[in-house]
């Protein structure tokens, strides 16, 4: 029964790593200095919110997939916890007042 918690926790950790990788790919966009010497020092506008280098749709899809997988692992943990609570209640019922 406790293997379920360990497996789901490993799944959560794996999805967390996927989210970090996708976030790094998105955040690394625009980190290189702009061509032509545009900088805040010389009064040129700063570019914020640039699209990721590579395929931006792929990065967003990866984030959505990771979110869904994360939610699925959380649901597994909740279900296992509920089953364990039910088992413990069957073995040692709670005192009713």
C-alpha atoms as a PDB file:
ATOM      1  CA  UNK A   1       0.000   0.000   0.000  1.00  0.00           C
ATOM      2  CA  UNK A   2       2.819   2.407   0.825  1.00  0.00           C
ATOM      3  CA  UNK A   3       4.436   1.722  -2.553  1.00  0.00           C
ATOM      4  CA  UNK A   4       1.572   3.700  -4.084  1.00  0.00           C
ATOM      5  CA  UNK A   5       2.672   6.802  -2.212  1.00  0.00           C
ATOM      6  CA  UNK A   6       6.303   6.327  -3.267  1.00  0.00           C
ATOM      7  CA  UNK A   7       5.383   5.786  -6.925  1.00  0.00           C
ATOM      8  CA  UNK A   8       3.086   8.826  -6.978  1.00  0.00           C
ATOM      9  CA  UNK A   9       5.754  10.933  -5.243  1.00  0.00           C
ATOM     10  CA  UNK A  10       8.276   9.870  -7.904  1.00  0.00           C
ATOM     11  CA  UNK A  11       5.743  10.882 -10.552  1.00  0.00           C
ATOM     12  CA  UNK A  12       5.335  14.287  -8.912  1.00  0.00           C
ATOM     13  CA  UNK A  13       9.106  14.756  -8.870  1.00  0.00           C
ATOM     14  CA  UNK A  14       9.389  13.776 -12.546  1.00  0.00           C
ATOM     15  CA  UNK A  15       6.688  16.256 -13.555  1.00  0.00           C
ATOM     16  CA  UNK A  16       8.336  18.936 -11.466  1.00  0.00           C
ATOM     17  CA  UNK A  17      11.555  18.394 -13.435  1.00  0.00           C
ATOM     18  CA  UNK A  18       9.607  18.647 -16.735  1.00  0.00           C
ATOM     19  CA  UNK A  19       8.035  21.912 -15.594  1.00  0.00           C
ATOM     20  CA  UNK A  20      11.439  23.305 -14.605  1.00  0.00           C
ATOM     21  CA  UNK A  21      12.932  22.356 -17.980  1.00  0.00           C
ATOM     22  CA  UNK A  22      10.073  23.944 -19.920  1.00  0.00           C
ATOM     23  CA  UNK A  23      10.197  27.050 -17.721  1.00  0.00           C
ATOM     24  CA  UNK A  24      13.953  27.354 -18.286  1.00  0.00           C
ATOM     25  CA  UNK A  25      13.407  27.095 -22.052  1.00  0.00           C
ATOM     26  CA  UNK A  26      10.783  29.828 -21.917  1.00  0.00           C
ATOM     27  CA  UNK A  27      12.785  32.044 -19.539  1.00  0.00           C
ATOM     28  CA  UNK A  28      15.994  31.773 -21.545  1.00  0.00           C
ATOM     29  CA  UNK A  29      14.344  33.540 -24.439  1.00  0.00           C
ATOM     30  CA  UNK A  30      15.596  37.041 -24.886  1.00  0.00           C
ATOM     31  CA  UNK A  31      18.450  36.592 -22.424  1.00  0.00           C
ATOM     32  CA  UNK A  32      21.028  37.438 -25.087  1.00  0.00           C
ATOM     33  CA  UNK A  33      21.692  41.143 -25.575  1.00  0.00           C
ATOM     34  CA  UNK A  34      19.737  42.578 -28.499  1.00  0.00           C
ATOM     35  CA  UNK A  35      21.515  43.170 -31.792  1.00  0.00           C
ATOM     36  CA  UNK A  36      22.234  46.819 -32.569  1.00  0.00           C
ATOM     37  CA  UNK A  37      23.121  47.954 -29.079  1.00  0.00           C
ATOM     38  CA  UNK A  38      19.610  48.460 -27.736  1.00  0.00           C
ATOM     39  CA  UNK A  39      19.869  48.820 -23.990  1.00  0.00           C
ATOM     40  CA  UNK A  40      18.140  50.732 -21.212  1.00  0.00           C
ATOM     41  CA  UNK A  41      21.264  52.892 -20.824  1.00  0.00           C
ATOM     42  CA  UNK A  42      20.907  54.474 -24.279  1.00  0.00           C
ATOM     43  CA  UNK A  43      17.140  54.947 -24.017  1.00  0.00           C
ATOM     44  CA  UNK A  44      16.087  52.076 -26.276  1.00  0.00           C
ATOM     45  CA  UNK A  45      13.045  50.060 -25.213  1.00  0.00           C
ATOM     46  CA  UNK A  46      13.577  46.792 -23.332  1.00  0.00           C
ATOM     47  CA  UNK A  47      11.866  43.748 -24.818  1.00  0.00           C
ATOM     48  CA  UNK A  48       9.823  41.832 -22.233  1.00  0.00           C
ATOM     49  CA  UNK A  49       7.740  38.692 -22.752  1.00  0.00           C
ATOM     50  CA  UNK A  50       9.458  37.343 -25.842  1.00  0.00           C
ATOM     51  CA  UNK A  51       8.382  33.993 -27.227  1.00  0.00           C
ATOM     52  CA  UNK A  52      10.638  31.016 -26.507  1.00  0.00           C
ATOM     53  CA  UNK A  53      13.373  30.097 -28.934  1.00  0.00           C
ATOM     54  CA  UNK A  54      12.392  26.944 -30.793  1.00  0.00           C
ATOM     55  CA  UNK A  55       8.801  25.856 -30.813  1.00  0.00           C
ATOM     56  CA  UNK A  56       6.756  27.915 -28.338  1.00  0.00           C
ATOM     57  CA  UNK A  57       3.716  25.691 -28.765  1.00  0.00           C
ATOM     58  CA  UNK A  58       5.754  22.635 -27.760  1.00  0.00           C
ATOM     59  CA  UNK A  59       6.849  24.327 -24.534  1.00  0.00           C
ATOM     60  CA  UNK A  60       3.292  25.300 -23.644  1.00  0.00           C
ATOM     61  CA  UNK A  61       2.022  21.801 -24.445  1.00  0.00           C
ATOM     62  CA  UNK A  62       4.769  20.350 -22.243  1.00  0.00           C
ATOM     63  CA  UNK A  63       3.630  22.581 -19.383  1.00  0.00           C
ATOM     64  CA  UNK A  64       0.005  21.504 -19.841  1.00  0.00           C
ATOM     65  CA  UNK A  65       0.942  17.817 -20.031  1.00  0.00           C
ATOM     66  CA  UNK A  66       3.020  18.140 -16.880  1.00  0.00           C
ATOM     67  CA  UNK A  67       0.159  19.882 -15.090  1.00  0.00           C
ATOM     68  CA  UNK A  68      -2.279  17.111 -15.998  1.00  0.00           C
ATOM     69  CA  UNK A  69       0.183  14.401 -14.977  1.00  0.00           C
ATOM     70  CA  UNK A  70       0.846  16.254 -11.714  1.00  0.00           C
ATOM     71  CA  UNK A  71      -2.900  16.403 -11.010  1.00  0.00           C
ATOM     72  CA  UNK A  72      -3.226  12.685 -11.797  1.00  0.00           C
ATOM     73  CA  UNK A  73      -0.470  11.825  -9.316  1.00  0.00           C
ATOM     74  CA  UNK A  74      -2.128  13.993  -6.663  1.00  0.00           C
ATOM     75  CA  UNK A  75      -5.413  12.150  -7.307  1.00  0.00           C
ATOM     76  CA  UNK A  76      -3.611   8.821  -6.817  1.00  0.00           C
ATOM     77  CA  UNK A  77      -2.214  10.020  -3.487  1.00  0.00           C
ATOM     78  CA  UNK A  78      -5.651  11.220  -2.358  1.00  0.00           C
ATOM     79  CA  UNK A  79      -7.298   7.937  -3.358  1.00  0.00           C
ATOM     80  CA  UNK A  80      -4.616   5.893  -1.590  1.00  0.00           C
ATOM     81  CA  UNK A  81      -4.962   8.064   1.506  1.00  0.00           C
ATOM     82  CA  UNK A  82      -8.750   7.603   1.516  1.00  0.00           C
ATOM     83  CA  UNK A  83      -8.326   3.829   1.113  1.00  0.00           C
ATOM     84  CA  UNK A  84      -5.836   3.731   3.977  1.00  0.00           C
ATOM     85  CA  UNK A  85      -8.197   5.767   6.186  1.00  0.00           C
ATOM     86  CA  UNK A  86     -11.045   3.364   5.357  1.00  0.00           C
ATOM     87  CA  UNK A  87      -8.837   0.382   6.195  1.00  0.00           C
ATOM     88  CA  UNK A  88      -7.791   1.920   9.498  1.00  0.00           C
ATOM     89  CA  UNK A  89     -11.434   2.716  10.335  1.00  0.00           C
ATOM     90  CA  UNK A  90     -12.357  -0.921   9.662  1.00  0.00           C
ATOM     91  CA  UNK A  91      -9.574  -2.195  11.916  1.00  0.00           C
ATOM     92  CA  UNK A  92     -10.064   0.363  14.678  1.00  0.00           C
ATOM     93  CA  UNK A  93     -13.329   2.324  14.364  1.00  0.00           C
ATOM     94  CA  UNK A  94     -13.279   5.884  15.597  1.00  0.00           C
ATOM     95  CA  UNK A  95     -15.084   6.539  18.843  1.00  0.00           C
ATOM     96  CA  UNK A  96     -18.545   7.871  18.147  1.00  0.00           C
ATOM     97  CA  UNK A  97     -20.116  10.274  20.660  1.00  0.00           C
END
